[in-house]
Amino acid sequence: MPRINLRGVAKNYGVAGANAVSGLDLEIGDGEFMCLLGPSGCGKTTTLRMIAGLENLSAGEIQVGARMVDSVGAGIFVPPEKREMGLVFQSYALWPHLTIERNTDFGLRLRKVPKAEREERVQRVMSTLGIEKYRDRYPSQLSGGQQQRVALARMLAVNPEVLLLDEPLSNLDAALRLEMRAELKRLHREFKTTIVFVTHDQWEAMTLATTIAVMSEGHLQQVGTPNDIYDRPANRFVAQFVGNPPINILELDDAPTPLAASAGQWLAAFPGGVAEAGSVGIRPEALKITTGTAPEGAFSGKAEVTGILPTGGSWIVELTVPGGKLFQTTHEMPAIEQGETVSFWVEPRALHVFDKAGNRSAAADQALRPARRH
């Protein structure tokens, strides 16, 4: 499967100074499952459509393998039907008057694939996706999850070099989404197709992708493995976008809360010192609670328990501190009561320190996480 390179890619719809995508440099590896992740309007779908050839570039170039498929400077544009890519939209776009088998082999018929080969491919992909028994039904006779499988089967049958998926699971209920995520992971392992998947669902990206590209307002924020994105967010946007409940942020500005001021003093006194910090992030699961004394060397403080929220298998604990709130998540039933005063603490290496521009502080990482493995 080919490697996809986007270099200096930009898209503008005619509004001065308002690019949907700006200066995007992105490499999608051979056989990679890449998720483009971000909020609505961040440019992820536009990026996918430019890769597919459904949108012309305003600047830059896209190369697939050794072939340049789009280049503004060189005046190259390969039309979508010649890019050997499969595209599955949020709407499955199945032909309502064709059976499941005919929907599945539709692309093969357009390519005039010989009958014996066509039947063999259709049989294999329908069997793999568990829709073989529905071959004589029509789309209206299938559930949403089954229709999703047919849409995927139609694309996989033509054996595309690249599979592009634009939020294909968003119309499914929670149980079907979970089932289809597992299905997509299995298909990726089996077919080893290069997949580019657009989603605004952080957990979908975390559970599916081998690599995640986080976007915001047309700009690429960070590219990395799911663990990289979660454990070492490149900036505050990534830290706050990925994680549920969201990361706790302590602002070390000119008028910090008492807890934030305490965090700033703790950082300044830490061996090696951490200067020029603008804010500190604490993941809810990294926050520990005790009715006793916090461990020596940890960042700690006092708080009142103002809420204990069961979520089924885990609990969210709301802590009120001077000037704000902190949230903790735990998989063990809390041995505390609402209204109780407790101590909280965080290991130094679990703190995420950002500079005044909102970028991750490399100096803080070096001081706080010297022995951390990635």
Protein backbone atom coordinates (compact mmCIF):
# COMPACT_ATOMS: atom_id res chain seq x y z
CA MET A 1 0.00 0.00 0.00
CA PRO A 2 1.22 3.53 -0.75
CA ARG A 3 2.52 6.25 1.52
CA ILE A 4 0.57 9.53 1.33
CA ASN A 5 2.38 12.86 1.64
CA LEU A 6 0.68 16.24 2.00
CA ARG A 7 3.10 19.15 1.68
CA GLY A 8 2.07 22.76 2.28
CA VAL A 9 -1.57 21.90 1.57
CA ALA A 10 -4.08 24.72 1.88
CA LYS A 11 -7.73 25.20 0.98
CA ASN A 12 -9.55 28.51 0.73
CA TYR A 13 -13.18 28.84 -0.36
CA GLY A 14 -12.79 32.43 -1.48
CA VAL A 15 -12.86 34.20 1.88
CA ALA A 16 -9.81 36.42 2.35
CA GLY A 17 -7.61 35.27 5.21
CA ALA A 18 -9.96 32.41 6.16
CA ASN A 19 -8.42 29.14 5.06
CA ALA A 20 -10.30 25.93 5.82
CA VAL A 21 -6.87 24.25 5.87
CA SER A 22 -3.55 26.09 6.14
CA GLY A 23 0.03 24.91 5.44
CA LEU A 24 -0.69 21.26 6.19
CA ASP A 25 2.32 18.95 6.18
CA LEU A 26 1.31 15.38 6.93
CA GLU A 27 2.70 11.95 6.11
CA ILE A 28 0.43 8.88 6.26
CA GLY A 29 2.49 5.70 6.34
CA ASP A 30 2.12 2.53 4.31
CA GLY A 31 -0.68 0.43 5.85
CA GLU A 32 -1.31 3.00 8.57
CA PHE A 33 -4.69 3.63 10.24
CA MET A 34 -4.64 7.42 10.49
CA CYS A 35 -7.42 9.30 12.28
CA LEU A 36 -7.94 12.97 11.52
CA LEU A 37 -9.38 14.23 14.81
CA GLY A 38 -10.79 17.59 15.77
CA PRO A 39 -13.93 19.63 16.44
CA SER A 40 -16.42 20.63 13.75
CA GLY A 41 -14.92 23.13 11.32
CA CYS A 42 -11.29 22.19 12.02
CA GLY A 43 -10.60 21.14 8.40
CA LYS A 44 -10.46 17.37 8.79
CA THR A 45 -13.19 16.53 6.26
CA THR A 46 -11.80 19.09 3.83
CA THR A 47 -8.40 17.38 4.14
CA LEU A 48 -9.97 13.99 3.43
CA ARG A 49 -11.81 15.36 0.39
CA MET A 50 -8.57 16.87 -0.96
CA ILE A 51 -6.85 13.48 -0.63
CA ALA A 52 -9.79 11.91 -2.47
CA GLY A 53 -9.69 14.54 -5.22
CA LEU A 54 -13.16 15.89 -4.43
CA GLU A 55 -11.68 19.30 -3.55
CA ASN A 56 -9.01 21.19 -5.47
CA LEU A 57 -6.03 22.48 -3.52
CA SER A 58 -5.50 26.21 -3.10
CA ALA A 59 -1.80 25.56 -2.45
CA GLY A 60 0.60 22.69 -1.92
CA GLU A 61 0.73 19.16 -3.25
CA ILE A 62 -0.38 15.60 -2.48
CA GLN A 63 1.69 12.57 -3.42
CA VAL A 64 0.47 8.97 -3.17
CA GLY A 65 3.35 6.52 -3.35
CA ALA A 66 5.55 7.61 -6.26
CA ARG A 67 2.67 9.36 -8.03
CA MET A 68 1.88 13.06 -7.69
CA VAL A 69 -1.93 13.27 -7.67
CA ASP A 70 -2.33 16.98 -6.98
CA SER A 71 0.11 19.88 -7.27
CA VAL A 72 -0.84 23.52 -7.61
CA GLY A 73 2.68 24.54 -8.61
CA ALA A 74 3.10 21.83 -11.26
CA GLY A 75 -0.48 22.08 -12.52
CA ILE A 76 -1.19 18.39 -11.82
CA PHE A 77 -4.61 17.07 -10.88
CA VAL A 78 -5.55 13.39 -11.03
CA PRO A 79 -9.37 13.00 -10.95
CA PRO A 80 -10.95 11.01 -8.09
CA GLU A 81 -11.83 7.95 -10.17
CA LYS A 82 -8.18 7.49 -11.14
CA ARG A 83 -6.70 7.74 -7.65
CA GLU A 84 -7.52 4.12 -6.74
CA MET A 85 -9.08 5.10 -3.43
CA GLY A 86 -12.27 3.97 -1.74
CA LEU A 87 -14.44 6.54 0.02
CA VAL A 88 -17.16 5.78 2.59
CA PHE A 89 -19.27 8.76 3.63
CA GLN A 90 -21.32 9.37 6.77
CA SER A 91 -24.27 8.56 4.51
CA TYR A 92 -23.77 5.02 3.21
CA ALA A 93 -25.08 5.92 -0.29
CA LEU A 94 -26.29 2.39 -1.09
CA TRP A 95 -28.40 1.82 -4.19
CA PRO A 96 -31.93 1.15 -2.79
CA HIS A 97 -33.06 -0.81 -5.90
CA LEU A 98 -30.08 -3.18 -5.89
CA THR A 99 -29.61 -6.25 -3.71
CA ILE A 100 -26.77 -6.38 -1.20
CA GLU A 101 -24.76 -8.56 -3.58
CA ARG A 102 -25.25 -6.12 -6.46
CA ASN A 103 -24.37 -3.17 -4.21
CA THR A 104 -21.20 -4.98 -3.20
CA ASP A 105 -20.08 -5.80 -6.75
CA PHE A 106 -21.13 -2.43 -8.19
CA GLY A 107 -17.60 -1.03 -8.40
CA LEU A 108 -16.25 -4.26 -9.87
CA ARG A 109 -18.85 -4.17 -12.64
CA LEU A 110 -17.89 -0.58 -13.46
CA ARG A 111 -14.28 -1.71 -13.78
CA LYS A 112 -15.38 -4.62 -15.99
CA VAL A 113 -13.75 -7.21 -13.73
CA PRO A 114 -14.26 -10.73 -15.18
CA LYS A 115 -17.25 -12.57 -13.69
CA ALA A 116 -15.29 -15.37 -11.97
CA GLU A 117 -12.91 -12.92 -10.28
CA ARG A 118 -15.80 -10.60 -9.38
CA GLU A 119 -17.75 -13.41 -7.72
CA GLU A 120 -14.68 -14.61 -5.82
CA ARG A 121 -13.93 -11.10 -4.46
CA VAL A 122 -17.56 -10.46 -3.49
CA GLN A 123 -17.83 -13.83 -1.77
CA ARG A 124 -14.65 -13.25 0.21
CA VAL A 125 -15.44 -9.73 1.37
CA MET A 126 -19.08 -10.50 2.22
CA SER A 127 -18.00 -13.54 4.21
CA THR A 128 -15.34 -11.51 6.04
CA LEU A 129 -17.88 -8.86 7.01
CA GLY A 130 -20.61 -11.34 7.95
CA ILE A 131 -23.18 -10.13 5.39
CA GLU A 132 -23.17 -13.13 3.07
CA LYS A 133 -26.58 -14.28 4.33
CA TYR A 134 -28.09 -10.92 3.35
CA ARG A 135 -26.91 -11.05 -0.27
CA ASP A 136 -30.46 -11.23 -1.71
CA ARG A 137 -31.93 -8.53 0.52
CA TYR A 138 -32.23 -4.81 -0.21
CA PRO A 139 -30.69 -1.99 1.89
CA SER A 140 -34.07 -1.03 3.38
CA GLN A 141 -34.28 -4.53 4.87
CA LEU A 142 -31.04 -4.13 6.85
CA SER A 143 -30.15 -2.39 10.10
CA GLY A 144 -27.83 0.61 10.19
CA GLY A 145 -24.88 -1.54 11.25
CA GLN A 146 -25.54 -4.04 8.45
CA GLN A 147 -25.79 -1.21 5.90
CA GLN A 148 -22.45 0.09 7.19
CA ARG A 149 -20.91 -3.32 6.51
CA VAL A 150 -22.30 -3.29 2.97
CA ALA A 151 -20.80 0.16 2.32
CA LEU A 152 -17.43 -1.10 3.56
CA ALA A 153 -17.75 -4.32 1.55
CA ARG A 154 -18.40 -2.35 -1.64
CA MET A 155 -15.18 -0.39 -1.12
CA LEU A 156 -13.05 -3.36 -0.04
CA ALA A 157 -14.22 -5.48 -2.98
CA VAL A 158 -12.43 -3.19 -5.44
CA ASN A 159 -9.26 -3.57 -3.34
CA PRO A 160 -8.45 0.15 -3.08
CA GLU A 161 -4.92 1.22 -2.23
CA VAL A 162 -6.35 3.73 0.26
CA LEU A 163 -9.64 3.64 2.15
CA LEU A 164 -11.05 7.03 3.17
CA LEU A 165 -13.76 7.06 5.85
CA ASP A 166 -15.68 10.25 6.67
CA GLU A 167 -17.34 9.78 10.09
CA PRO A 168 -18.96 6.52 8.93
CA LEU A 169 -20.07 5.44 12.40
CA SER A 170 -21.77 8.63 13.58
CA ASN A 171 -25.25 7.46 12.53
CA LEU A 172 -25.05 4.27 14.62
CA ASP A 173 -26.16 3.77 18.20
CA ALA A 174 -23.57 3.23 20.94
CA ALA A 175 -23.66 -0.58 20.83
CA LEU A 176 -23.29 -0.70 17.04
CA ARG A 177 -20.49 1.87 17.09
CA LEU A 178 -18.56 -0.31 19.52
CA GLU A 179 -19.15 -3.37 17.33
CA MET A 180 -18.10 -1.56 14.15
CA ARG A 181 -14.94 -0.17 15.77
CA ALA A 182 -13.86 -3.72 16.53
CA GLU A 183 -14.80 -4.70 12.97
CA LEU A 184 -12.71 -1.91 11.46
CA LYS A 185 -9.70 -2.85 13.59
CA ARG A 186 -10.00 -6.45 12.42
CA LEU A 187 -10.39 -5.42 8.77
CA HIS A 188 -7.31 -3.23 9.00
CA ARG A 189 -5.27 -6.12 10.36
CA GLU A 190 -6.58 -8.50 7.68
CA PHE A 191 -6.51 -6.32 4.54
CA LYS A 192 -3.59 -4.06 5.64
CA THR A 193 -5.16 -1.22 3.68
CA THR A 194 -3.98 2.34 4.33
CA ILE A 195 -6.95 3.95 6.10
CA VAL A 196 -7.65 7.63 6.69
CA PHE A 197 -10.56 8.05 9.10
CA VAL A 198 -12.22 11.37 9.95
CA THR A 199 -13.89 11.72 13.35
CA HIS A 200 -14.66 14.27 16.06
CA ASP A 201 -15.01 11.44 18.60
CA GLN A 202 -11.80 11.25 20.64
CA TRP A 203 -12.48 7.73 21.92
CA GLU A 204 -13.16 6.51 18.39
CA ALA A 205 -9.76 7.85 17.37
CA MET A 206 -8.01 6.47 20.46
CA THR A 207 -9.42 2.96 20.02
CA LEU A 208 -9.06 2.69 16.23
CA ALA A 209 -5.97 4.56 15.10
CA THR A 210 -2.35 3.59 14.89
CA THR A 211 -1.66 7.31 14.43
CA ILE A 212 -3.79 10.38 15.24
CA ALA A 213 -3.51 13.82 13.63
CA VAL A 214 -5.24 16.45 15.77
CA MET A 215 -6.47 19.54 13.92
CA SER A 216 -7.90 22.88 15.01
CA GLU A 217 -9.05 25.81 12.86
CA GLY A 218 -7.33 24.40 9.78
CA HIS A 219 -3.98 23.84 11.45
CA LEU A 220 -2.30 20.60 12.45
CA GLN A 221 -1.73 20.55 16.22
CA GLN A 222 -0.05 17.21 16.81
CA VAL A 223 0.64 13.86 15.13
CA GLY A 224 1.39 10.77 17.20
CA THR A 225 0.24 7.45 18.53
CA PRO A 226 -2.86 7.43 20.76
CA ASN A 227 -0.56 7.12 23.79
CA ASP A 228 1.55 10.08 22.63
CA ILE A 229 -1.51 12.25 22.10
CA TYR A 230 -2.94 11.46 25.52
CA ASP A 231 0.20 11.22 27.62
CA ARG A 232 2.26 13.98 25.99
CA PRO A 233 -0.15 16.52 24.43
CA ALA A 234 1.80 19.06 22.39
CA ASN A 235 -0.28 21.98 23.62
CA ARG A 236 -3.26 22.94 25.73
CA PHE A 237 -5.73 22.50 22.89
CA VAL A 238 -4.78 18.84 22.45
CA ALA A 239 -4.70 18.27 26.22
CA GLN A 240 -8.18 19.72 26.69
CA PHE A 241 -9.73 18.17 23.57
CA VAL A 242 -8.59 14.61 24.30
CA GLY A 243 -9.79 13.17 27.58
CA ASN A 244 -13.11 12.59 29.33
CA PRO A 245 -13.59 14.04 31.87
CA PRO A 246 -11.40 16.86 30.52
CA ILE A 247 -7.99 17.54 31.97
CA ASN A 248 -7.89 19.80 35.05
CA ILE A 249 -6.12 23.09 34.18
CA LEU A 250 -4.53 25.42 36.73
CA GLU A 251 -3.89 28.87 35.26
CA LEU A 252 -0.64 30.47 36.43
CA ASP A 253 -1.54 33.96 35.22
CA ASP A 254 -1.24 37.35 36.90
CA ALA A 255 -4.14 36.54 39.24
CA PRO A 256 -3.94 32.80 39.88
CA THR A 257 -6.29 30.97 42.20
CA PRO A 258 -4.78 29.96 45.54
CA LEU A 259 -4.27 26.39 44.26
CA ALA A 260 -2.68 27.59 41.02
CA ALA A 261 -0.37 29.90 42.97
CA SER A 262 0.59 26.95 45.13
CA ALA A 263 1.33 24.93 41.98
CA GLY A 264 3.53 27.73 40.65
CA GLN A 265 5.48 27.89 43.91
CA TRP A 266 5.84 24.09 43.96
CA LEU A 267 7.18 24.10 40.39
CA ALA A 268 9.66 26.88 41.14
CA ALA A 269 10.96 24.97 44.17
CA PHE A 270 11.21 21.64 42.33
CA PRO A 271 14.84 20.42 41.96
CA GLY A 272 16.12 21.98 38.76
CA GLY A 273 13.29 24.50 38.81
CA VAL A 274 10.50 25.00 36.25
CA ALA A 275 10.35 28.57 35.01
CA GLU A 276 8.06 30.38 32.58
CA ALA A 277 5.09 28.08 33.17
CA GLY A 278 1.74 29.44 32.00
CA SER A 279 -0.53 26.62 33.16
CA VAL A 280 -0.49 23.13 34.63
CA GLY A 281 -2.68 20.21 33.55
CA ILE A 282 -3.68 17.24 35.70
CA ARG A 283 -5.46 14.26 34.17
CA PRO A 284 -8.40 13.19 36.39
CA GLU A 285 -7.05 9.64 36.74
CA ALA A 286 -3.65 10.99 37.88
CA LEU A 287 -5.25 12.79 40.82
CA LYS A 288 -5.09 10.72 44.02
CA ILE A 289 -7.19 11.25 47.15
CA THR A 290 -6.34 10.31 50.72
CA THR A 291 -7.74 11.04 54.15
CA GLY A 292 -4.19 10.83 55.44
CA THR A 293 -0.99 12.56 54.39
CA ALA A 294 0.12 12.99 50.79
CA PRO A 295 3.45 11.37 49.82
CA GLU A 296 6.56 13.48 50.23
CA GLY A 297 7.63 15.24 47.02
CA ALA A 298 4.21 15.12 45.37
CA PHE A 299 2.21 18.19 44.46
CA SER A 300 -0.63 18.21 46.99
CA GLY A 301 -3.35 20.22 48.62
CA LYS A 302 -6.61 20.14 50.58
CA ALA A 303 -10.10 19.93 49.08
CA GLU A 304 -13.72 19.34 50.00
CA VAL A 305 -15.54 16.44 48.36
CA THR A 306 -18.60 18.05 46.77
CA GLY A 307 -19.75 15.25 44.47
CA ILE A 308 -19.37 11.50 43.90
CA LEU A 309 -20.79 10.47 40.54
CA PRO A 310 -21.02 6.77 39.59
CA THR A 311 -20.66 6.14 35.85
CA GLY A 312 -20.88 2.35 35.83
CA GLY A 313 -17.56 0.65 36.50
CA SER A 314 -15.92 3.94 37.56
CA TRP A 315 -16.60 7.04 39.61
CA ILE A 316 -16.03 10.76 39.11
CA VAL A 317 -15.20 12.66 42.29
CA GLU A 318 -15.72 16.42 42.34
CA LEU A 319 -13.35 18.31 44.62
CA THR A 320 -13.83 21.95 45.54
CA VAL A 321 -10.62 23.85 46.16
CA PRO A 322 -10.09 27.56 46.87
CA GLY A 323 -10.99 29.33 43.64
CA GLY A 324 -12.24 26.36 41.62
CA LYS A 325 -12.86 22.64 41.20
CA LEU A 326 -10.87 19.52 40.38
CA PHE A 327 -12.19 16.24 39.06
CA GLN A 328 -10.83 12.78 39.80
CA THR A 329 -11.73 9.48 38.16
CA THR A 330 -11.27 6.13 39.85
CA HIS A 331 -12.17 2.51 39.15
CA GLU A 332 -12.49 1.74 42.85
CA MET A 333 -15.51 2.81 44.88
CA PRO A 334 -14.42 5.94 46.79
CA ALA A 335 -14.05 5.34 50.53
CA ILE A 336 -14.99 8.94 51.26
CA GLU A 337 -18.22 10.87 51.80
CA GLN A 338 -19.60 14.03 50.26
CA GLY A 339 -18.73 17.02 52.47
CA GLU A 340 -15.53 15.41 53.74
CA THR A 341 -12.22 17.28 53.64
CA VAL A 342 -9.45 15.25 52.04
CA SER A 343 -5.90 15.60 50.79
CA PHE A 344 -5.19 15.21 47.09
CA TRP A 345 -1.83 14.61 45.46
CA VAL A 346 -0.24 14.12 42.05
CA GLU A 347 3.08 12.52 41.14
CA PRO A 348 5.47 15.09 39.60
CA ARG A 349 5.77 13.12 36.36
CA ALA A 350 1.96 13.13 35.95
CA LEU A 351 1.86 16.94 35.67
CA HIS A 352 1.52 18.52 32.22
CA VAL A 353 3.17 21.93 32.17
CA PHE A 354 2.47 24.41 29.36
CA ASP A 355 4.26 27.68 28.68
CA LYS A 356 2.55 31.05 28.39
CA ALA A 357 1.84 30.44 24.68
CA GLY A 358 0.05 27.19 25.56
CA ASN A 359 2.75 24.85 24.22
CA ARG A 360 4.12 21.90 26.15
CA SER A 361 7.18 22.81 28.20
CA ALA A 362 10.13 20.62 27.25
CA ALA A 363 12.12 22.00 30.19
CA ALA A 364 9.37 20.96 32.60
CA ASP A 365 9.24 17.49 31.07
CA GLN A 366 12.96 17.11 31.53
CA ALA A 367 12.72 18.16 35.16
CA LEU A 368 9.52 16.30 36.11
CA ARG A 369 9.69 13.20 33.92
CA PRO A 370 13.37 12.20 33.74
CA ALA A 371 12.74 8.47 34.07
CA ARG A 372 9.45 8.22 32.15
CA ARG A 373 9.34 5.73 29.27
CA HIS A 374 7.41 6.35 26.06
